[in-house]
C-alpha atoms as a PDB file:
ATOM      1  CA  MET A   1     -10.184 -36.786 -61.089  1.00  0.00           C
ATOM      2  CA  LYS A   2      -6.574 -35.639 -60.697  1.00  0.00           C
ATOM      3  CA  SER A   3      -7.481 -32.041 -61.621  1.00  0.00           C
ATOM      4  CA  TRP A   4     -10.173 -32.058 -58.912  1.00  0.00           C
ATOM      5  CA  ARG A   5      -7.581 -33.051 -56.311  1.00  0.00           C
ATOM      6  CA  ARG A   6      -5.414 -30.128 -57.357  1.00  0.00           C
ATOM      7  CA  LEU A   7      -8.336 -27.726 -56.897  1.00  0.00           C
ATOM      8  CA  LEU A   8      -9.304 -29.067 -53.471  1.00  0.00           C
ATOM      9  CA  PRO A   9      -6.759 -26.916 -51.536  1.00  0.00           C
ATOM     10  CA  VAL A  10      -7.849 -23.824 -53.507  1.00  0.00           C
ATOM     11  CA  PHE A  11     -11.504 -24.616 -52.760  1.00  0.00           C
ATOM     12  CA  ALA A  12     -10.702 -25.044 -49.046  1.00  0.00           C
ATOM     13  CA  LEU A  13      -8.860 -21.696 -49.000  1.00  0.00           C
ATOM     14  CA  VAL A  14     -11.777 -19.897 -50.655  1.00  0.00           C
ATOM     15  CA  LEU A  15     -14.205 -21.418 -48.117  1.00  0.00           C
ATOM     16  CA  ALA A  16     -11.973 -20.330 -45.227  1.00  0.00           C
ATOM     17  CA  MET A  17     -11.824 -16.781 -46.600  1.00  0.00           C
ATOM     18  CA  LEU A  18     -15.599 -16.637 -47.035  1.00  0.00           C
ATOM     19  CA  ALA A  19     -16.138 -17.895 -43.498  1.00  0.00           C
ATOM     20  CA  GLY A  20     -14.121 -14.921 -42.220  1.00  0.00           C
ATOM     21  CA  CYS A  21     -16.181 -12.359 -44.147  1.00  0.00           C
ATOM     22  CA  GLY A  22     -18.379 -10.327 -41.864  1.00  0.00           C
ATOM     23  CA  ALA A  23     -16.384 -11.217 -38.770  1.00  0.00           C
ATOM     24  CA  LYS A  24     -15.668  -8.184 -36.599  1.00  0.00           C
ATOM     25  CA  ASP A  25     -12.080  -7.011 -36.625  1.00  0.00           C
ATOM     26  CA  GLU A  26     -10.834  -7.222 -33.040  1.00  0.00           C
ATOM     27  CA  THR A  27      -8.890  -3.978 -33.508  1.00  0.00           C
ATOM     28  CA  GLN A  28     -12.008  -2.073 -34.585  1.00  0.00           C
ATOM     29  CA  LYS A  29     -12.711   0.677 -32.074  1.00  0.00           C
ATOM     30  CA  GLU A  30     -16.047   1.765 -30.651  1.00  0.00           C
ATOM     31  CA  PRO A  31     -17.056   5.425 -30.373  1.00  0.00           C
ATOM     32  CA  ILE A  32     -16.383   6.983 -26.981  1.00  0.00           C
ATOM     33  CA  LYS A  33     -19.494   8.276 -25.183  1.00  0.00           C
ATOM     34  CA  GLN A  34     -19.362  10.224 -21.925  1.00  0.00           C
ATOM     35  CA  GLN A  35     -21.514  12.652 -19.998  1.00  0.00           C
ATOM     36  CA  ALA A  36     -20.574  15.508 -17.674  1.00  0.00           C
ATOM     37  CA  SER A  37     -22.527  18.112 -15.716  1.00  0.00           C
ATOM     38  CA  ALA A  38     -21.850  21.701 -14.749  1.00  0.00           C
ATOM     39  CA  ASP A  39     -24.226  24.099 -13.057  1.00  0.00           C
ATOM     40  CA  SER A  40     -27.698  23.094 -14.300  1.00  0.00           C
ATOM     41  CA  TYR A  41     -26.426  21.773 -17.656  1.00  0.00           C
ATOM     42  CA  THR A  42     -25.446  18.360 -18.989  1.00  0.00           C
ATOM     43  CA  ALA A  43     -23.044  17.821 -21.889  1.00  0.00           C
ATOM     44  CA  ASP A  44     -22.893  14.535 -23.798  1.00  0.00           C
ATOM     45  CA  LEU A  45     -19.574  13.892 -25.570  1.00  0.00           C
ATOM     46  CA  LEU A  46     -19.293  11.534 -28.549  1.00  0.00           C
ATOM     47  CA  ILE A  47     -15.877  10.832 -30.098  1.00  0.00           C
ATOM     48  CA  THR A  48     -15.959   8.887 -33.358  1.00  0.00           C
ATOM     49  CA  PRO A  49     -14.302   6.530 -34.169  1.00  0.00           C
ATOM     50  CA  GLY A  50     -12.593   6.810 -30.766  1.00  0.00           C
ATOM     51  CA  ILE A  51      -9.005   6.174 -31.862  1.00  0.00           C
ATOM     52  CA  VAL A  52      -5.551   7.671 -31.544  1.00  0.00           C
ATOM     53  CA  GLY A  53      -5.430  10.253 -34.322  1.00  0.00           C
ATOM     54  CA  PRO A  54      -8.200  12.013 -36.248  1.00  0.00           C
ATOM     55  CA  ASN A  55     -11.669  11.894 -34.684  1.00  0.00           C
ATOM     56  CA  THR A  56     -14.977  13.699 -34.942  1.00  0.00           C
ATOM     57  CA  TYR A  57     -16.114  15.346 -31.705  1.00  0.00           C
ATOM     58  CA  GLU A  58     -19.816  15.940 -31.100  1.00  0.00           C
ATOM     59  CA  ILE A  59     -21.264  17.613 -28.021  1.00  0.00           C
ATOM     60  CA  THR A  60     -24.905  18.009 -27.042  1.00  0.00           C
ATOM     61  CA  ILE A  61     -25.509  20.464 -24.203  1.00  0.00           C
ATOM     62  CA  THR A  62     -28.904  20.401 -22.517  1.00  0.00           C
ATOM     63  CA  ASP A  63     -30.430  22.393 -19.666  1.00  0.00           C
ATOM     64  CA  ASP A  64     -32.474  20.972 -16.799  1.00  0.00           C
ATOM     65  CA  LYS A  65     -35.578  21.010 -19.075  1.00  0.00           C
ATOM     66  CA  GLN A  66     -33.793  18.945 -21.770  1.00  0.00           C
ATOM     67  CA  GLN A  67     -33.587  21.987 -24.071  1.00  0.00           C
ATOM     68  CA  LYS A  68     -30.553  21.880 -26.388  1.00  0.00           C
ATOM     69  CA  MET A  69     -28.133  24.769 -25.987  1.00  0.00           C
ATOM     70  CA  ASP A  70     -26.395  25.899 -29.177  1.00  0.00           C
ATOM     71  CA  THR A  71     -25.805  29.599 -28.578  1.00  0.00           C
ATOM     72  CA  GLY A  72     -22.644  31.267 -27.339  1.00  0.00           C
ATOM     73  CA  SER A  73     -19.276  29.660 -28.019  1.00  0.00           C
ATOM     74  CA  ALA A  74     -17.619  26.374 -27.124  1.00  0.00           C
ATOM     75  CA  LYS A  75     -14.199  24.774 -27.302  1.00  0.00           C
ATOM     76  CA  LEU A  76     -12.597  21.505 -26.266  1.00  0.00           C
ATOM     77  CA  THR A  77      -9.188  21.330 -24.604  1.00  0.00           C
ATOM     78  CA  PHE A  78      -7.065  18.175 -24.580  1.00  0.00           C
ATOM     79  CA  ALA A  79      -4.217  17.317 -22.174  1.00  0.00           C
ATOM     80  CA  MET A  80      -2.519  13.955 -21.682  1.00  0.00           C
ATOM     81  CA  GLN A  81      -2.614  12.968 -18.006  1.00  0.00           C
ATOM     82  CA  GLY A  82       0.797  13.185 -16.359  1.00  0.00           C
ATOM     83  CA  MET A  83       2.463  14.930 -19.317  1.00  0.00           C
ATOM     84  CA  GLY A  84       2.325  18.570 -18.222  1.00  0.00           C
ATOM     85  CA  ASP A  85       2.004  20.866 -21.232  1.00  0.00           C
ATOM     86  CA  HIS A  86       3.231  18.219 -23.683  1.00  0.00           C
ATOM     87  CA  GLY A  87       0.556  17.395 -26.259  1.00  0.00           C
ATOM     88  CA  LYS A  88      -1.929  20.052 -25.107  1.00  0.00           C
ATOM     89  CA  SER A  89      -4.286  21.297 -27.785  1.00  0.00           C
ATOM     90  CA  GLU A  90      -7.662  22.917 -28.196  1.00  0.00           C
ATOM     91  CA  GLN A  91     -10.426  22.917 -30.768  1.00  0.00           C
ATOM     92  CA  GLN A  92     -13.199  25.445 -31.370  1.00  0.00           C
ATOM     93  CA  LEU A  93     -16.602  23.854 -31.886  1.00  0.00           C
ATOM     94  CA  LYS A  94     -19.304  24.923 -34.334  1.00  0.00           C
ATOM     95  CA  ALA A  95     -22.992  24.760 -33.428  1.00  0.00           C
ATOM     96  CA  LYS A  96     -25.601  23.387 -35.805  1.00  0.00           C
ATOM     97  CA  ASP A  97     -28.993  21.804 -35.175  1.00  0.00           C
ATOM     98  CA  GLY A  98     -28.491  21.586 -31.403  1.00  0.00           C
ATOM     99  CA  LYS A  99     -25.052  19.948 -31.591  1.00  0.00           C
ATOM    100  CA  TRP A 100     -21.517  21.286 -31.309  1.00  0.00           C
ATOM    101  CA  THR A 101     -19.008  19.586 -33.639  1.00  0.00           C
ATOM    102  CA  ALA A 102     -15.371  19.609 -34.716  1.00  0.00           C
ATOM    103  CA  GLU A 103     -12.781  17.287 -36.234  1.00  0.00           C
ATOM    104  CA  GLY A 104      -9.110  16.859 -35.516  1.00  0.00           C
ATOM    105  CA  PRO A 105      -6.188  14.692 -34.384  1.00  0.00           C
ATOM    106  CA  HIS A 106      -6.203  15.817 -30.749  1.00  0.00           C
ATOM    107  CA  LEU A 107      -5.857  12.384 -29.121  1.00  0.00           C
ATOM    108  CA  MET A 108      -2.301  11.896 -30.356  1.00  0.00           C
ATOM    109  CA  MET A 109      -1.141   8.857 -28.408  1.00  0.00           C
ATOM    110  CA  ASP A 110      -2.340   5.901 -26.352  1.00  0.00           C
ATOM    111  CA  GLY A 111      -3.357   6.725 -22.822  1.00  0.00           C
ATOM    112  CA  THR A 112      -5.770   8.740 -20.727  1.00  0.00           C
ATOM    113  CA  TRP A 113      -6.611  12.290 -21.727  1.00  0.00           C
ATOM    114  CA  ASP A 114      -8.256  15.071 -19.743  1.00  0.00           C
ATOM    115  CA  VAL A 115     -10.803  16.619 -22.085  1.00  0.00           C
ATOM    116  CA  LYS A 116     -12.627  19.788 -21.072  1.00  0.00           C
ATOM    117  CA  LEU A 117     -15.553  21.447 -22.739  1.00  0.00           C
ATOM    118  CA  ILE A 118     -15.586  25.172 -22.064  1.00  0.00           C
ATOM    119  CA  TRP A 119     -18.937  26.616 -23.069  1.00  0.00           C
ATOM    120  CA  THR A 120     -19.675  30.328 -22.808  1.00  0.00           C
ATOM    121  CA  ASP A 121     -23.420  30.916 -22.981  1.00  0.00           C
ATOM    122  CA  GLU A 122     -25.132  33.906 -24.604  1.00  0.00           C
ATOM    123  CA  LYS A 123     -24.946  35.830 -21.276  1.00  0.00           C
ATOM    124  CA  GLN A 124     -21.140  35.302 -21.165  1.00  0.00           C
ATOM    125  CA  ASN A 125     -21.378  32.816 -18.271  1.00  0.00           C
ATOM    126  CA  VAL A 126     -18.638  30.172 -18.536  1.00  0.00           C
ATOM    127  CA  HIS A 127     -19.493  26.502 -17.890  1.00  0.00           C
ATOM    128  CA  THR A 128     -16.743  23.860 -17.762  1.00  0.00           C
ATOM    129  CA  PHE A 129     -17.411  20.150 -18.278  1.00  0.00           C
ATOM    130  CA  THR A 130     -14.626  17.636 -17.576  1.00  0.00           C
ATOM    131  CA  TYR A 131     -14.124  14.186 -19.118  1.00  0.00           C
ATOM    132  CA  SER A 132     -11.451  11.498 -18.745  1.00  0.00           C
ATOM    133  CA  VAL A 133     -10.984   9.723 -22.088  1.00  0.00           C
ATOM    134  CA  THR A 134      -8.807   6.641 -22.624  1.00  0.00           C
ATOM    135  CA  VAL A 135      -7.714   5.668 -26.155  1.00  0.00           C
ATOM    136  CA  GLN A 136      -5.612   2.748 -27.315  1.00  0.00           C
ATOM    137  CA  ASN A 137      -4.312   1.903 -30.753  1.00  0.00           C
END
């Protein structure tokens, strides 16, 4: 019986740990999803995981008939609001299967970032889509 009493605190600790399994970490971030329009096009932005630091950027550009646009060239520019040129960066995007993608650490600190998608279509027309993205660590 005495050995059982010694194991009771260990048993209680194991139960407490198991109860916490599967609980969502409060610091876990959600992907950032935004939409912007320019001319007769819409561009959906998805930033995963949506944190300060490295992220994957995915853009889907559609016309007014919901056709995906993946010709021409596209880049994202990043600028921290209120910081002038400090922290500015840009990233070329690659098109595949109707989506434009890239990876990189462009959201380098907590705060609100101006993100622009600059898409040049196959006729060399430039379309600019603007997003305001807030990240927190």
